[in-house]
N, C-alpha and C. Protein backbone atom coordinates (compact mmCIF):
# COMPACT_ATOMS: atom_id res chain seq x y z
N UNK A 1 -41.25 172.93 -56.41
CA UNK A 1 -40.11 172.06 -56.67
C UNK A 1 -39.27 172.68 -57.77
N UNK A 2 -38.00 172.77 -57.51
CA UNK A 2 -37.05 173.24 -58.52
C UNK A 2 -36.64 172.01 -59.34
N UNK A 3 -37.04 171.99 -60.60
CA UNK A 3 -36.82 170.83 -61.45
C UNK A 3 -35.34 170.47 -61.56
N UNK A 4 -34.46 171.46 -61.67
CA UNK A 4 -33.03 171.16 -61.82
C UNK A 4 -32.47 170.45 -60.59
N UNK A 5 -33.05 170.69 -59.43
CA UNK A 5 -32.61 170.00 -58.21
C UNK A 5 -33.21 168.60 -58.10
N UNK A 6 -34.40 168.41 -58.69
CA UNK A 6 -35.09 167.13 -58.55
C UNK A 6 -34.61 166.08 -59.55
N UNK A 7 -34.03 166.52 -60.65
CA UNK A 7 -33.55 165.57 -61.65
C UNK A 7 -32.36 164.79 -61.11
N UNK A 8 -32.23 163.56 -61.56
CA UNK A 8 -31.10 162.74 -61.15
C UNK A 8 -29.81 163.28 -61.76
N UNK A 9 -28.75 163.25 -61.01
CA UNK A 9 -27.43 163.65 -61.50
C UNK A 9 -26.83 162.41 -62.14
N UNK A 10 -26.70 162.43 -63.47
CA UNK A 10 -26.30 161.23 -64.19
C UNK A 10 -24.94 160.70 -63.75
N UNK A 11 -24.01 161.58 -63.42
CA UNK A 11 -22.70 161.13 -62.95
C UNK A 11 -22.84 160.32 -61.66
N UNK A 12 -23.69 160.77 -60.77
CA UNK A 12 -23.92 160.05 -59.51
C UNK A 12 -24.62 158.72 -59.76
N UNK A 13 -25.57 158.71 -60.67
CA UNK A 13 -26.30 157.50 -61.02
C UNK A 13 -25.34 156.44 -61.56
N UNK A 14 -24.46 156.85 -62.46
CA UNK A 14 -23.57 155.90 -63.14
C UNK A 14 -22.31 155.55 -62.34
N UNK A 15 -21.78 156.51 -61.59
CA UNK A 15 -20.51 156.28 -60.87
C UNK A 15 -20.68 156.05 -59.38
N UNK A 16 -21.83 156.41 -58.85
CA UNK A 16 -22.13 156.13 -57.46
C UNK A 16 -22.00 157.30 -56.51
N UNK A 17 -22.57 157.10 -55.33
CA UNK A 17 -22.49 158.04 -54.22
C UNK A 17 -22.17 157.24 -52.96
N UNK A 18 -21.51 157.88 -52.01
CA UNK A 18 -21.22 157.22 -50.74
C UNK A 18 -22.43 157.34 -49.83
N UNK A 19 -22.82 156.22 -49.24
CA UNK A 19 -23.89 156.20 -48.24
C UNK A 19 -23.34 155.54 -46.98
N UNK A 20 -23.68 156.11 -45.84
CA UNK A 20 -23.20 155.59 -44.56
C UNK A 20 -24.15 154.53 -44.04
N UNK A 21 -23.60 153.37 -43.74
CA UNK A 21 -24.36 152.28 -43.14
C UNK A 21 -24.39 152.46 -41.62
N UNK A 22 -23.23 152.78 -41.05
CA UNK A 22 -23.12 153.08 -39.63
C UNK A 22 -21.93 154.04 -39.46
N UNK A 23 -21.50 154.26 -38.24
CA UNK A 23 -20.41 155.22 -37.99
C UNK A 23 -19.09 154.80 -38.61
N UNK A 24 -18.92 153.52 -38.87
CA UNK A 24 -17.65 153.01 -39.38
C UNK A 24 -17.71 152.50 -40.81
N UNK A 25 -18.89 152.30 -41.34
CA UNK A 25 -19.03 151.61 -42.61
C UNK A 25 -19.79 152.46 -43.63
N UNK A 26 -19.22 152.57 -44.82
CA UNK A 26 -19.86 153.28 -45.92
C UNK A 26 -19.75 152.44 -47.19
N UNK A 27 -20.71 152.64 -48.08
CA UNK A 27 -20.71 151.95 -49.36
C UNK A 27 -20.80 152.97 -50.48
N UNK A 28 -20.02 152.76 -51.52
CA UNK A 28 -20.14 153.54 -52.75
C UNK A 28 -21.08 152.74 -53.64
N UNK A 29 -22.27 153.29 -53.87
CA UNK A 29 -23.29 152.55 -54.63
C UNK A 29 -23.76 153.35 -55.83
N UNK A 30 -24.13 152.60 -56.86
CA UNK A 30 -24.79 153.19 -58.02
C UNK A 30 -26.30 153.07 -57.84
N UNK A 31 -27.02 153.82 -58.62
CA UNK A 31 -28.48 153.76 -58.63
C UNK A 31 -28.95 152.55 -59.44
N UNK A 32 -30.12 152.08 -59.12
CA UNK A 32 -30.72 151.04 -59.96
C UNK A 32 -31.13 151.60 -61.32
N UNK A 33 -30.97 152.90 -61.50
CA UNK A 33 -31.23 153.55 -62.78
C UNK A 33 -29.99 153.54 -63.68
N UNK A 34 -28.85 153.07 -63.17
CA UNK A 34 -27.62 153.11 -63.97
C UNK A 34 -27.66 152.07 -65.08
N UNK A 35 -26.94 152.36 -66.16
CA UNK A 35 -26.92 151.47 -67.32
C UNK A 35 -26.39 150.09 -66.96
N UNK A 36 -25.39 150.04 -66.10
CA UNK A 36 -24.77 148.77 -65.70
C UNK A 36 -25.80 147.85 -65.02
N UNK A 37 -26.63 148.42 -64.16
CA UNK A 37 -27.65 147.64 -63.47
C UNK A 37 -28.71 147.15 -64.45
N UNK A 38 -29.13 148.02 -65.35
CA UNK A 38 -30.14 147.65 -66.34
C UNK A 38 -29.62 146.49 -67.19
N UNK A 39 -28.36 146.58 -67.65
CA UNK A 39 -27.77 145.49 -68.43
C UNK A 39 -27.69 144.19 -67.61
N UNK A 40 -27.25 144.31 -66.36
CA UNK A 40 -27.14 143.13 -65.50
C UNK A 40 -28.51 142.50 -65.28
N UNK A 41 -29.52 143.32 -65.08
CA UNK A 41 -30.87 142.82 -64.86
C UNK A 41 -31.38 142.10 -66.11
N UNK A 42 -31.15 142.67 -67.28
CA UNK A 42 -31.58 142.02 -68.51
C UNK A 42 -30.88 140.68 -68.70
N UNK A 43 -29.57 140.67 -68.52
CA UNK A 43 -28.77 139.46 -68.71
C UNK A 43 -29.20 138.36 -67.72
N UNK A 44 -29.28 138.71 -66.46
CA UNK A 44 -29.61 137.71 -65.43
C UNK A 44 -31.07 137.28 -65.50
N UNK A 45 -31.94 138.15 -65.92
CA UNK A 45 -33.36 137.79 -66.05
C UNK A 45 -33.55 136.80 -67.19
N UNK A 46 -32.81 136.98 -68.28
CA UNK A 46 -32.92 136.04 -69.41
C UNK A 46 -32.51 134.64 -68.99
N UNK A 47 -31.47 134.56 -68.14
CA UNK A 47 -30.98 133.25 -67.70
C UNK A 47 -32.02 132.48 -66.91
N UNK A 48 -32.84 133.20 -66.14
CA UNK A 48 -33.83 132.54 -65.29
C UNK A 48 -35.26 132.86 -65.71
N UNK A 49 -35.44 133.15 -66.97
CA UNK A 49 -36.74 133.63 -67.48
C UNK A 49 -37.93 132.79 -67.00
N UNK A 50 -37.90 131.49 -67.20
CA UNK A 50 -39.02 130.65 -66.81
C UNK A 50 -39.24 130.60 -65.32
N UNK A 51 -38.16 130.64 -64.55
CA UNK A 51 -38.26 130.55 -63.09
C UNK A 51 -38.80 131.83 -62.45
N UNK A 52 -38.51 132.99 -63.05
CA UNK A 52 -38.87 134.27 -62.43
C UNK A 52 -40.36 134.40 -62.16
N UNK A 53 -41.17 133.97 -63.10
CA UNK A 53 -42.62 134.10 -62.94
C UNK A 53 -43.15 133.18 -61.85
N UNK A 54 -42.43 132.11 -61.57
CA UNK A 54 -42.91 131.11 -60.62
C UNK A 54 -42.35 131.27 -59.21
N UNK A 55 -41.22 131.95 -59.08
CA UNK A 55 -40.52 131.87 -57.80
C UNK A 55 -39.95 133.20 -57.33
N UNK A 56 -40.28 133.55 -56.09
CA UNK A 56 -39.69 134.74 -55.47
C UNK A 56 -38.20 134.50 -55.21
N UNK A 57 -37.83 133.25 -54.97
CA UNK A 57 -36.42 132.92 -54.75
C UNK A 57 -35.60 133.24 -55.99
N UNK A 58 -36.12 132.91 -57.16
CA UNK A 58 -35.42 133.22 -58.41
C UNK A 58 -35.31 134.73 -58.61
N UNK A 59 -36.38 135.45 -58.29
CA UNK A 59 -36.35 136.91 -58.42
C UNK A 59 -35.32 137.52 -57.48
N UNK A 60 -35.26 137.03 -56.25
CA UNK A 60 -34.28 137.53 -55.29
C UNK A 60 -32.86 137.21 -55.77
N UNK A 61 -32.68 136.03 -56.33
CA UNK A 61 -31.37 135.62 -56.83
C UNK A 61 -30.90 136.57 -57.93
N UNK A 62 -31.79 136.90 -58.85
CA UNK A 62 -31.45 137.83 -59.93
C UNK A 62 -31.10 139.20 -59.36
N UNK A 63 -31.90 139.69 -58.43
CA UNK A 63 -31.65 141.00 -57.83
C UNK A 63 -30.30 141.03 -57.12
N UNK A 64 -30.00 140.00 -56.34
CA UNK A 64 -28.71 139.96 -55.63
C UNK A 64 -27.54 139.90 -56.60
N UNK A 65 -27.67 139.13 -57.67
CA UNK A 65 -26.62 139.04 -58.67
C UNK A 65 -26.40 140.41 -59.31
N UNK A 66 -27.46 141.13 -59.57
CA UNK A 66 -27.35 142.46 -60.18
C UNK A 66 -26.71 143.47 -59.21
N UNK A 67 -27.03 143.37 -57.93
CA UNK A 67 -26.41 144.26 -56.95
C UNK A 67 -24.91 143.98 -56.90
N UNK A 68 -24.53 142.70 -56.94
CA UNK A 68 -23.11 142.34 -56.93
C UNK A 68 -22.43 142.89 -58.18
N UNK A 69 -23.04 142.71 -59.33
CA UNK A 69 -22.43 143.09 -60.60
C UNK A 69 -22.43 144.60 -60.86
N UNK A 70 -23.43 145.32 -60.34
CA UNK A 70 -23.60 146.69 -60.80
C UNK A 70 -23.79 147.77 -59.74
N UNK A 71 -24.20 147.43 -58.54
CA UNK A 71 -24.55 148.47 -57.57
C UNK A 71 -23.41 148.81 -56.62
N UNK A 72 -22.85 147.84 -55.93
CA UNK A 72 -21.78 148.15 -54.97
C UNK A 72 -20.47 148.31 -55.73
N UNK A 73 -19.93 149.52 -55.66
CA UNK A 73 -18.70 149.86 -56.37
C UNK A 73 -17.49 149.71 -55.44
N UNK A 74 -17.66 150.12 -54.18
CA UNK A 74 -16.57 150.09 -53.22
C UNK A 74 -17.17 150.18 -51.82
N UNK A 75 -16.31 150.03 -50.81
CA UNK A 75 -16.76 150.21 -49.44
C UNK A 75 -15.61 150.64 -48.56
N UNK A 76 -15.98 151.14 -47.40
CA UNK A 76 -15.03 151.51 -46.36
C UNK A 76 -15.52 150.86 -45.07
N UNK A 77 -14.59 150.36 -44.26
CA UNK A 77 -14.95 149.88 -42.94
C UNK A 77 -15.43 148.45 -42.86
N UNK A 78 -15.33 147.70 -43.93
CA UNK A 78 -15.70 146.28 -43.88
C UNK A 78 -14.43 145.49 -43.54
N UNK A 79 -14.49 144.74 -42.46
CA UNK A 79 -13.34 143.95 -42.02
C UNK A 79 -13.75 142.51 -41.75
N UNK A 80 -12.75 141.66 -41.73
CA UNK A 80 -12.96 140.27 -41.34
C UNK A 80 -11.75 139.86 -40.51
N UNK A 81 -12.01 139.42 -39.30
CA UNK A 81 -10.94 139.07 -38.37
C UNK A 81 -9.97 140.23 -38.18
N UNK A 82 -10.52 141.45 -38.16
CA UNK A 82 -9.72 142.64 -37.90
C UNK A 82 -8.96 143.19 -39.10
N UNK A 83 -9.08 142.55 -40.26
CA UNK A 83 -8.36 143.00 -41.47
C UNK A 83 -9.36 143.55 -42.48
N UNK A 84 -8.94 144.62 -43.19
CA UNK A 84 -9.79 145.20 -44.22
C UNK A 84 -10.14 144.14 -45.26
N UNK A 85 -11.38 144.15 -45.66
CA UNK A 85 -11.86 143.21 -46.67
C UNK A 85 -12.00 143.95 -47.99
N UNK A 86 -11.33 143.45 -49.03
CA UNK A 86 -11.39 144.08 -50.35
C UNK A 86 -12.79 143.95 -50.93
N UNK A 87 -13.17 144.95 -51.69
CA UNK A 87 -14.49 144.96 -52.34
C UNK A 87 -14.37 144.21 -53.67
N UNK A 88 -14.53 142.90 -53.61
CA UNK A 88 -14.52 142.05 -54.80
C UNK A 88 -15.91 141.46 -54.98
N UNK A 89 -16.25 140.97 -56.15
CA UNK A 89 -17.57 140.36 -56.32
C UNK A 89 -17.83 139.23 -55.32
N UNK A 90 -16.82 138.44 -55.05
CA UNK A 90 -16.99 137.33 -54.10
C UNK A 90 -17.28 137.86 -52.69
N UNK A 91 -16.55 138.89 -52.29
CA UNK A 91 -16.76 139.47 -50.96
C UNK A 91 -18.08 140.22 -50.87
N UNK A 92 -18.48 140.86 -51.97
CA UNK A 92 -19.79 141.53 -51.98
C UNK A 92 -20.88 140.49 -51.74
N UNK A 93 -20.78 139.35 -52.41
CA UNK A 93 -21.77 138.28 -52.19
C UNK A 93 -21.81 137.87 -50.72
N UNK A 94 -20.64 137.76 -50.11
CA UNK A 94 -20.58 137.36 -48.69
C UNK A 94 -21.20 138.42 -47.80
N UNK A 95 -20.89 139.69 -48.05
CA UNK A 95 -21.42 140.78 -47.23
C UNK A 95 -22.94 140.86 -47.38
N UNK A 96 -23.44 140.59 -48.57
CA UNK A 96 -24.89 140.64 -48.80
C UNK A 96 -25.64 139.50 -48.12
N UNK A 97 -24.92 138.55 -47.55
CA UNK A 97 -25.57 137.49 -46.77
C UNK A 97 -26.08 138.02 -45.43
N UNK A 98 -25.61 139.21 -45.04
CA UNK A 98 -26.09 139.86 -43.82
C UNK A 98 -27.40 140.58 -44.19
N UNK A 99 -28.54 140.11 -43.71
CA UNK A 99 -29.83 140.66 -44.15
C UNK A 99 -29.95 142.18 -43.99
N UNK A 100 -29.46 142.74 -42.89
CA UNK A 100 -29.59 144.19 -42.70
C UNK A 100 -28.77 144.97 -43.72
N UNK A 101 -27.63 144.46 -44.11
CA UNK A 101 -26.81 145.11 -45.13
C UNK A 101 -27.48 144.98 -46.49
N UNK A 102 -27.93 143.78 -46.80
CA UNK A 102 -28.61 143.53 -48.08
C UNK A 102 -29.81 144.47 -48.24
N UNK A 103 -30.63 144.58 -47.21
CA UNK A 103 -31.81 145.44 -47.28
C UNK A 103 -31.42 146.91 -47.39
N UNK A 104 -30.39 147.32 -46.65
CA UNK A 104 -29.91 148.70 -46.70
C UNK A 104 -29.46 149.06 -48.11
N UNK A 105 -28.65 148.22 -48.70
CA UNK A 105 -28.12 148.50 -50.05
C UNK A 105 -29.26 148.55 -51.06
N UNK A 106 -30.17 147.60 -51.00
CA UNK A 106 -31.31 147.58 -51.92
C UNK A 106 -32.15 148.85 -51.78
N UNK A 107 -32.40 149.27 -50.55
CA UNK A 107 -33.18 150.49 -50.30
C UNK A 107 -32.45 151.73 -50.81
N UNK A 108 -31.17 151.85 -50.49
CA UNK A 108 -30.41 153.04 -50.86
C UNK A 108 -30.21 153.16 -52.37
N UNK A 109 -30.05 152.05 -53.06
CA UNK A 109 -29.85 152.07 -54.52
C UNK A 109 -31.11 152.49 -55.26
N UNK A 110 -32.26 152.28 -54.64
CA UNK A 110 -33.52 152.68 -55.27
C UNK A 110 -33.99 154.05 -54.78
N UNK A 111 -33.34 154.59 -53.77
CA UNK A 111 -33.73 155.89 -53.20
C UNK A 111 -33.25 157.02 -54.13
N UNK A 112 -34.19 157.52 -54.91
CA UNK A 112 -33.86 158.55 -55.90
C UNK A 112 -33.17 159.77 -55.29
N UNK A 113 -33.56 160.13 -54.08
CA UNK A 113 -33.00 161.32 -53.44
C UNK A 113 -31.48 161.24 -53.29
N UNK A 114 -30.94 160.03 -53.16
CA UNK A 114 -29.48 159.89 -53.05
C UNK A 114 -28.75 160.40 -54.28
N UNK A 115 -29.44 160.44 -55.41
CA UNK A 115 -28.81 160.74 -56.68
C UNK A 115 -29.33 162.04 -57.29
N UNK A 116 -29.99 162.87 -56.48
CA UNK A 116 -30.49 164.16 -56.94
C UNK A 116 -29.58 165.28 -56.47
N UNK A 117 -29.48 166.31 -57.27
CA UNK A 117 -28.61 167.44 -56.98
C UNK A 117 -28.91 168.06 -55.62
N UNK A 118 -30.20 168.22 -55.29
CA UNK A 118 -30.60 168.86 -54.04
C UNK A 118 -30.06 168.08 -52.83
N UNK A 119 -30.23 166.77 -52.83
CA UNK A 119 -29.74 165.94 -51.73
C UNK A 119 -28.22 165.93 -51.66
N UNK A 120 -27.59 165.88 -52.82
CA UNK A 120 -26.12 165.86 -52.85
C UNK A 120 -25.56 167.17 -52.33
N UNK A 121 -26.22 168.29 -52.63
CA UNK A 121 -25.79 169.59 -52.12
C UNK A 121 -25.95 169.66 -50.61
N UNK A 122 -27.05 169.14 -50.10
CA UNK A 122 -27.29 169.15 -48.65
C UNK A 122 -26.25 168.31 -47.94
N UNK A 123 -25.90 167.18 -48.51
CA UNK A 123 -24.88 166.32 -47.91
C UNK A 123 -23.53 167.03 -47.91
N UNK A 124 -23.18 167.67 -49.01
CA UNK A 124 -21.90 168.39 -49.09
C UNK A 124 -21.87 169.54 -48.08
N UNK A 125 -22.99 170.25 -47.92
CA UNK A 125 -23.04 171.33 -46.93
C UNK A 125 -22.86 170.81 -45.51
N UNK A 126 -23.49 169.68 -45.21
CA UNK A 126 -23.36 169.08 -43.87
C UNK A 126 -21.91 168.67 -43.60
N UNK A 127 -21.25 168.14 -44.60
CA UNK A 127 -19.85 167.75 -44.45
C UNK A 127 -18.98 168.97 -44.18
N UNK A 128 -19.24 170.05 -44.93
CA UNK A 128 -18.46 171.28 -44.75
C UNK A 128 -18.66 171.85 -43.35
N UNK A 129 -19.89 171.84 -42.85
CA UNK A 129 -20.18 172.37 -41.53
C UNK A 129 -19.54 171.52 -40.43
N UNK A 130 -19.45 170.23 -40.67
CA UNK A 130 -18.86 169.32 -39.69
C UNK A 130 -17.34 169.42 -39.65
N UNK A 131 -16.73 170.00 -40.67
CA UNK A 131 -15.27 170.10 -40.72
C UNK A 131 -14.74 171.19 -39.84
């Protein structure tokens, strides 16, 4: 393993990377390692401190709030009634009501490989070859 390729690229962690959900839809997401997510998790966890230990629903609520506040930065290809849907906190909450999207975003934000130099280089090479 080449250590320099395996380390997280801090710019990607903090500012995000594009991940494809399907042929038409992409999300610009930050890592769960980003400072914004850590702050959101601390803030939202304090609000529900007593409930978190007792309830998976409370834990899920905190996680979803943190994804809204810190993980999804932008998107492409999200529409409603044929019109582009702006990436706002309110719309992010609505989009996350789709279980497959919610699970995809949660998985991708925790997938360290998305934010490593080696994976980012491979993605850039694939894009160049496809052009």
